[in-house]
PDB file of all heavy atoms in Angstrom:
ATOM      1  N   LYS A   1     -22.408 106.399  29.129  1.00  0.00           N
ATOM      2  CA  LYS A   1     -23.283 106.700  28.001  1.00  0.00           C
ATOM      3  C   LYS A   1     -23.250 108.178  27.624  1.00  0.00           C
ATOM      4  O   LYS A   1     -23.780 108.565  26.595  1.00  0.00           O
ATOM      5  CB  LYS A   1     -24.730 106.311  28.338  1.00  0.00           C
ATOM      6  CG  LYS A   1     -24.946 104.822  28.574  1.00  0.00           C
ATOM      7  CD  LYS A   1     -26.429 104.530  28.793  1.00  0.00           C
ATOM      8  CE  LYS A   1     -26.696 103.030  28.979  1.00  0.00           C
ATOM      9  NZ  LYS A   1     -26.107 102.532  30.233  1.00  0.00           N
ATOM     10  N   HIS A   2     -22.604 108.992  28.470  1.00  0.00           N
ATOM     11  CA  HIS A   2     -22.588 110.431  28.214  1.00  0.00           C
ATOM     12  C   HIS A   2     -21.159 110.971  28.258  1.00  0.00           C
ATOM     13  O   HIS A   2     -20.911 112.061  28.776  1.00  0.00           O
ATOM     14  CB  HIS A   2     -23.452 111.158  29.246  1.00  0.00           C
ATOM     15  CG  HIS A   2     -24.823 110.591  29.391  1.00  0.00           C
ATOM     16  ND1 HIS A   2     -25.847 110.888  28.521  1.00  0.00           N
ATOM     17  CD2 HIS A   2     -25.337 109.712  30.301  1.00  0.00           C
ATOM     18  CE1 HIS A   2     -26.934 110.239  28.892  1.00  0.00           C
ATOM     19  NE2 HIS A   2     -26.649 109.521  29.965  1.00  0.00           N
ATOM     20  N   GLU A   3     -20.211 110.193  27.731  1.00  0.00           N
ATOM     21  CA  GLU A   3     -18.803 110.565  27.814  1.00  0.00           C
ATOM     22  C   GLU A   3     -18.563 111.941  27.201  1.00  0.00           C
ATOM     23  O   GLU A   3     -18.988 112.244  26.091  1.00  0.00           O
ATOM     24  CB  GLU A   3     -17.939 109.528  27.107  1.00  0.00           C
ATOM     25  CG  GLU A   3     -16.438 109.743  27.320  1.00  0.00           C
ATOM     26  CD  GLU A   3     -15.609 108.616  26.762  1.00  0.00           C
ATOM     27  OE1 GLU A   3     -16.203 107.636  26.236  1.00  0.00           O
ATOM     28  OE2 GLU A   3     -14.372 108.698  26.847  1.00  0.00           O
ATOM     29  N   GLY A   4     -17.853 112.783  27.968  1.00  0.00           N
ATOM     30  CA  GLY A   4     -17.524 114.112  27.487  1.00  0.00           C
ATOM     31  C   GLY A   4     -18.592 115.152  27.704  1.00  0.00           C
ATOM     32  O   GLY A   4     -18.346 116.347  27.525  1.00  0.00           O
ATOM     33  N   GLU A   5     -19.799 114.758  28.093  1.00  0.00           N
ATOM     34  CA  GLU A   5     -20.861 115.722  28.335  1.00  0.00           C
ATOM     35  C   GLU A   5     -20.621 116.439  29.662  1.00  0.00           C
ATOM     36  O   GLU A   5     -20.131 115.856  30.622  1.00  0.00           O
ATOM     37  CB  GLU A   5     -22.232 115.044  28.364  1.00  0.00           C
ATOM     38  CG  GLU A   5     -22.675 114.477  27.025  1.00  0.00           C
ATOM     39  CD  GLU A   5     -24.071 113.887  27.113  1.00  0.00           C
ATOM     40  OE1 GLU A   5     -24.786 114.167  28.107  1.00  0.00           O
ATOM     41  OE2 GLU A   5     -24.441 113.131  26.190  1.00  0.00           O
ATOM     42  N   ARG A   6     -20.936 117.715  29.711  1.00  0.00           N
ATOM     43  CA  ARG A   6     -20.793 118.460  30.951  1.00  0.00           C
ATOM     44  C   ARG A   6     -21.977 118.175  31.866  1.00  0.00           C
ATOM     45  O   ARG A   6     -23.115 118.040  31.419  1.00  0.00           O
ATOM     46  CB  ARG A   6     -20.678 119.955  30.661  1.00  0.00           C
ATOM     47  CG  ARG A   6     -19.487 120.292  29.763  1.00  0.00           C
ATOM     48  CD  ARG A   6     -19.341 121.776  29.559  1.00  0.00           C
ATOM     49  NE  ARG A   6     -18.841 122.447  30.737  1.00  0.00           N
ATOM     50  CZ  ARG A   6     -17.571 122.529  31.078  1.00  0.00           C
ATOM     51  NH1 ARG A   6     -16.659 121.969  30.324  1.00  0.00           N
ATOM     52  NH2 ARG A   6     -17.190 123.173  32.157  1.00  0.00           N
ATOM     53  N   ALA A   7     -21.701 118.082  33.154  1.00  0.00           N
ATOM     54  CA  ALA A   7     -22.730 117.718  34.127  1.00  0.00           C
ATOM     55  C   ALA A   7     -23.340 118.941  34.800  1.00  0.00           C
ATOM     56  O   ALA A   7     -23.948 118.832  35.847  1.00  0.00           O
ATOM     57  CB  ALA A   7     -22.135 116.793  35.187  1.00  0.00           C
ATOM     58  N   GLU A   8     -23.145 120.116  34.227  1.00  0.00           N
ATOM     59  CA  GLU A   8     -23.655 121.335  34.834  1.00  0.00           C
ATOM     60  C   GLU A   8     -25.164 121.435  34.661  1.00  0.00           C
ATOM     61  O   GLU A   8     -25.759 120.798  33.792  1.00  0.00           O
ATOM     62  CB  GLU A   8     -22.985 122.559  34.203  1.00  0.00           C
ATOM     63  CG  GLU A   8     -21.484 122.600  34.440  1.00  0.00           C
ATOM     64  CD  GLU A   8     -20.727 123.151  33.288  1.00  0.00           C
ATOM     65  OE1 GLU A   8     -21.302 123.197  32.175  1.00  0.00           O
ATOM     66  OE2 GLU A   8     -19.550 123.497  33.453  1.00  0.00           O
ATOM     67  N   GLY A   9     -25.754 122.278  35.465  1.00  0.00           N
ATOM     68  CA  GLY A   9     -27.189 122.511  35.353  1.00  0.00           C
ATOM     69  C   GLY A   9     -27.865 122.355  36.684  1.00  0.00           C
ATOM     70  O   GLY A   9     -27.481 122.990  37.656  1.00  0.00           O
ATOM     71  N   LYS A  10     -28.841 121.486  36.750  1.00  0.00           N
ATOM     72  CA  LYS A  10     -29.591 121.317  37.983  1.00  0.00           C
ATOM     73  C   LYS A  10     -28.749 120.607  39.043  1.00  0.00           C
ATOM     74  O   LYS A  10     -27.906 119.764  38.734  1.00  0.00           O
ATOM     75  CB  LYS A  10     -30.883 120.564  37.702  1.00  0.00           C
ATOM     76  CG  LYS A  10     -31.856 121.343  36.824  1.00  0.00           C
ATOM     77  CD  LYS A  10     -33.155 120.606  36.627  1.00  0.00           C
ATOM     78  CE  LYS A  10     -34.126 121.436  35.798  1.00  0.00           C
ATOM     79  NZ  LYS A  10     -35.420 120.746  35.593  1.00  0.00           N
ATOM     80  N   ARG A  11     -29.014 120.971  40.280  1.00  0.00           N
ATOM     81  CA  ARG A  11     -28.222 120.456  41.396  1.00  0.00           C
ATOM     82  C   ARG A  11     -29.098 120.197  42.599  1.00  0.00           C
ATOM     83  O   ARG A  11     -30.217 120.697  42.690  1.00  0.00           O
ATOM     84  CB  ARG A  11     -27.146 121.480  41.796  1.00  0.00           C
ATOM     85  CG  ARG A  11     -26.110 121.744  40.760  1.00  0.00           C
ATOM     86  CD  ARG A  11     -25.759 123.197  40.638  1.00  0.00           C
ATOM     87  NE  ARG A  11     -25.281 123.769  41.891  1.00  0.00           N
ATOM     88  CZ  ARG A  11     -24.960 125.044  42.065  1.00  0.00           C
ATOM     89  NH1 ARG A  11     -25.059 125.894  41.081  1.00  0.00           N
ATOM     90  NH2 ARG A  11     -24.545 125.482  43.236  1.00  0.00           N
ATOM     91  N   ILE A  12     -28.598 119.401  43.513  1.00  0.00           N
ATOM     92  CA  ILE A  12     -29.152 119.303  44.855  1.00  0.00           C
ATOM     93  C   ILE A  12     -28.231 120.102  45.759  1.00  0.00           C
ATOM     94  O   ILE A  12     -27.053 119.758  45.923  1.00  0.00           O
ATOM     95  CB  ILE A  12     -29.252 117.846  45.325  1.00  0.00           C
ATOM     96  CG1 ILE A  12     -30.293 117.106  44.495  1.00  0.00           C
ATOM     97  CG2 ILE A  12     -29.630 117.793  46.807  1.00  0.00           C
ATOM     98  CD1 ILE A  12     -30.446 115.643  44.856  1.00  0.00           C
ATOM     99  N   LEU A  13     -28.724 121.188  46.319  1.00  0.00           N
ATOM    100  CA  LEU A  13     -27.876 122.110  47.056  1.00  0.00           C
ATOM    101  C   LEU A  13     -27.420 121.518  48.383  1.00  0.00           C
ATOM    102  O   LEU A  13     -28.208 120.905  49.112  1.00  0.00           O
ATOM    103  CB  LEU A  13     -28.613 123.422  47.299  1.00  0.00           C
ATOM    104  CG  LEU A  13     -28.997 124.215  46.043  1.00  0.00           C
ATOM    105  CD1 LEU A  13     -29.698 125.504  46.430  1.00  0.00           C
ATOM    106  CD2 LEU A  13     -27.774 124.502  45.193  1.00  0.00           C
ATOM    107  N   SER A  14     -26.141 121.715  48.677  1.00  0.00           N
ATOM    108  CA  SER A  14     -25.574 121.282  49.950  1.00  0.00           C
ATOM    109  C   SER A  14     -25.277 122.470  50.863  1.00  0.00           C
ATOM    110  O   SER A  14     -24.836 122.291  51.990  1.00  0.00           O
ATOM    111  CB  SER A  14     -24.288 120.485  49.706  1.00  0.00           C
ATOM    112  OG  SER A  14     -23.317 121.280  49.022  1.00  0.00           O
ATOM    113  N   THR A  15     -25.503 123.673  50.358  1.00  0.00           N
ATOM    114  CA  THR A  15     -25.360 124.881  51.149  1.00  0.00           C
ATOM    115  C   THR A  15     -26.647 125.154  51.919  1.00  0.00           C
ATOM    116  O   THR A  15     -27.686 124.552  51.625  1.00  0.00           O
ATOM    117  CB  THR A  15     -25.068 126.077  50.230  1.00  0.00           C
ATOM    118  OG1 THR A  15     -26.089 126.139  49.216  1.00  0.00           O
ATOM    119  CG2 THR A  15     -23.714 125.938  49.564  1.00  0.00           C
ATOM    120  N   PRO A  16     -26.610 126.049  52.891  1.00  0.00           N
ATOM    121  CA  PRO A  16     -27.869 126.521  53.475  1.00  0.00           C
ATOM    122  C   PRO A  16     -28.782 127.043  52.371  1.00  0.00           C
ATOM    123  O   PRO A  16     -28.302 127.479  51.316  1.00  0.00           O
ATOM    124  CB  PRO A  16     -27.418 127.641  54.421  1.00  0.00           C
ATOM    125  CG  PRO A  16     -26.022 127.275  54.793  1.00  0.00           C
ATOM    126  CD  PRO A  16     -25.436 126.653  53.562  1.00  0.00           C
ATOM    127  N   PRO A  17     -30.100 127.051  52.593  1.00  0.00           N
ATOM    128  CA  PRO A  17     -31.035 127.296  51.489  1.00  0.00           C
ATOM    129  C   PRO A  17     -30.966 128.688  50.875  1.00  0.00           C
ATOM    130  O   PRO A  17     -31.460 128.886  49.758  1.00  0.00           O
ATOM    131  CB  PRO A  17     -32.409 127.059  52.141  1.00  0.00           C
ATOM    132  CG  PRO A  17     -32.183 127.237  53.618  1.00  0.00           C
ATOM    133  CD  PRO A  17     -30.797 126.754  53.862  1.00  0.00           C
ATOM    134  N   HIS A  18     -30.346 129.653  51.558  1.00  0.00           N
ATOM    135  CA  HIS A  18     -30.399 131.030  51.073  1.00  0.00           C
ATOM    136  C   HIS A  18     -29.225 131.435  50.190  1.00  0.00           C
ATOM    137  O   HIS A  18     -29.257 132.515  49.599  1.00  0.00           O
ATOM    138  CB  HIS A  18     -30.516 132.006  52.249  1.00  0.00           C
ATOM    139  CG  HIS A  18     -29.394 131.899  53.233  1.00  0.00           C
ATOM    140  ND1 HIS A  18     -29.313 130.875  54.118  1.00  0.00           N
ATOM    141  CD2 HIS A  18     -28.308 132.681  53.462  1.00  0.00           C
ATOM    142  CE1 HIS A  18     -28.234 131.021  54.867  1.00  0.00           C
ATOM    143  NE2 HIS A  18     -27.596 132.104  54.475  1.00  0.00           N
ATOM    144  N   TYR A  19     -28.182 130.624  50.082  1.00  0.00           N
ATOM    145  CA  TYR A  19     -27.103 130.992  49.161  1.00  0.00           C
ATOM    146  C   TYR A  19     -26.617 129.775  48.389  1.00  0.00           C
ATOM    147  O   TYR A  19     -26.757 128.634  48.824  1.00  0.00           O
ATOM    148  CB  TYR A  19     -25.942 131.700  49.873  1.00  0.00           C
ATOM    149  CG  TYR A  19     -25.062 130.823  50.753  1.00  0.00           C
ATOM    150  CD1 TYR A  19     -24.029 130.069  50.213  1.00  0.00           C
ATOM    151  CD2 TYR A  19     -25.243 130.800  52.129  1.00  0.00           C
ATOM    152  CE1 TYR A  19     -23.202 129.297  51.017  1.00  0.00           C
ATOM    153  CE2 TYR A  19     -24.433 130.026  52.946  1.00  0.00           C
ATOM    154  CZ  TYR A  19     -23.407 129.272  52.374  1.00  0.00           C
ATOM    155  OH  TYR A  19     -22.589 128.493  53.182  1.00  0.00           O
ATOM    156  N   ALA A  20     -26.038 130.052  47.227  1.00  0.00           N
ATOM    157  CA  ALA A  20     -25.509 128.993  46.377  1.00  0.00           C
ATOM    158  C   ALA A  20     -24.415 129.572  45.494  1.00  0.00           C
ATOM    159  O   ALA A  20     -24.332 130.788  45.281  1.00  0.00           O
ATOM    160  CB  ALA A  20     -26.612 128.375  45.513  1.00  0.00           C
ATOM    161  N   TYR A  21     -23.575 128.677  44.981  1.00  0.00           N
ATOM    162  CA  TYR A  21     -22.490 129.057  44.083  1.00  0.00           C
ATOM    163  C   TYR A  21     -22.890 128.791  42.638  1.00  0.00           C
ATOM    164  O   TYR A  21     -23.521 127.786  42.331  1.00  0.00           O
ATOM    165  CB  TYR A  21     -21.217 128.283  44.420  1.00  0.00           C
ATOM    166  CG  TYR A  21     -20.707 128.543  45.815  1.00  0.00           C
ATOM    167  CD1 TYR A  21     -21.070 127.715  46.869  1.00  0.00           C
ATOM    168  CD2 TYR A  21     -19.888 129.629  46.081  1.00  0.00           C
ATOM    169  CE1 TYR A  21     -20.616 127.956  48.156  1.00  0.00           C
ATOM    170  CE2 TYR A  21     -19.423 129.875  47.366  1.00  0.00           C
ATOM    171  CZ  TYR A  21     -19.791 129.034  48.397  1.00  0.00           C
ATOM    172  OH  TYR A  21     -19.341 129.279  49.668  1.00  0.00           O
ATOM    173  N   LEU A  22     -22.494 129.690  41.756  1.00  0.00           N
ATOM    174  CA  LEU A  22     -22.685 129.516  40.323  1.00  0.00           C
ATOM    175  C   LEU A  22     -21.306 129.484  39.677  1.00  0.00           C
ATOM    176  O   LEU A  22     -20.624 130.510  39.609  1.00  0.00           O
ATOM    177  CB  LEU A  22     -23.525 130.655  39.747  1.00  0.00           C
ATOM    178  CG  LEU A  22     -23.827 130.563  38.236  1.00  0.00           C
ATOM    179  CD1 LEU A  22     -24.723 129.373  37.935  1.00  0.00           C
ATOM    180  CD2 LEU A  22     -24.476 131.856  37.729  1.00  0.00           C
ATOM    181  N   LYS A  23     -20.897 128.303  39.221  1.00  0.00           N
ATOM    182  CA  LYS A  23     -19.585 128.158  38.596  1.00  0.00           C
ATOM    183  C   LYS A  23     -19.688 128.567  37.138  1.00  0.00           C
ATOM    184  O   LYS A  23     -20.316 127.900  36.336  1.00  0.00           O
ATOM    185  CB  LYS A  23     -19.069 126.728  38.735  1.00  0.00           C
ATOM    186  CG  LYS A  23     -17.641 126.564  38.228  1.00  0.00           C
ATOM    187  CD  LYS A  23     -16.964 125.300  38.726  1.00  0.00           C
ATOM    188  CE  LYS A  23     -17.574 124.057  38.177  1.00  0.00           C
ATOM    189  NZ  LYS A  23     -16.742 122.836  38.472  1.00  0.00           N
ATOM    190  N   ILE A  24     -19.026 129.670  36.788  1.00  0.00           N
ATOM    191  CA  ILE A  24     -19.198 130.259  35.464  1.00  0.00           C
ATOM    192  C   ILE A  24     -18.168 129.764  34.456  1.00  0.00           C
ATOM    193  O   ILE A  24     -18.302 130.031  33.258  1.00  0.00           O
ATOM    194  CB  ILE A  24     -19.183 131.802  35.528  1.00  0.00           C
ATOM    195  CG1 ILE A  24     -17.818 132.329  35.940  1.00  0.00           C
ATOM    196  CG2 ILE A  24     -20.256 132.297  36.504  1.00  0.00           C
ATOM    197  CD1 ILE A  24     -17.704 133.858  35.858  1.00  0.00           C
TER     198      ILE A  24
END
């Protein structure tokens, strides 16, 4: 239902709570 839409934005983090990646 969302073909072609980007899935970026909110996430459930799989890293330790103090760091995360931001894909630019």
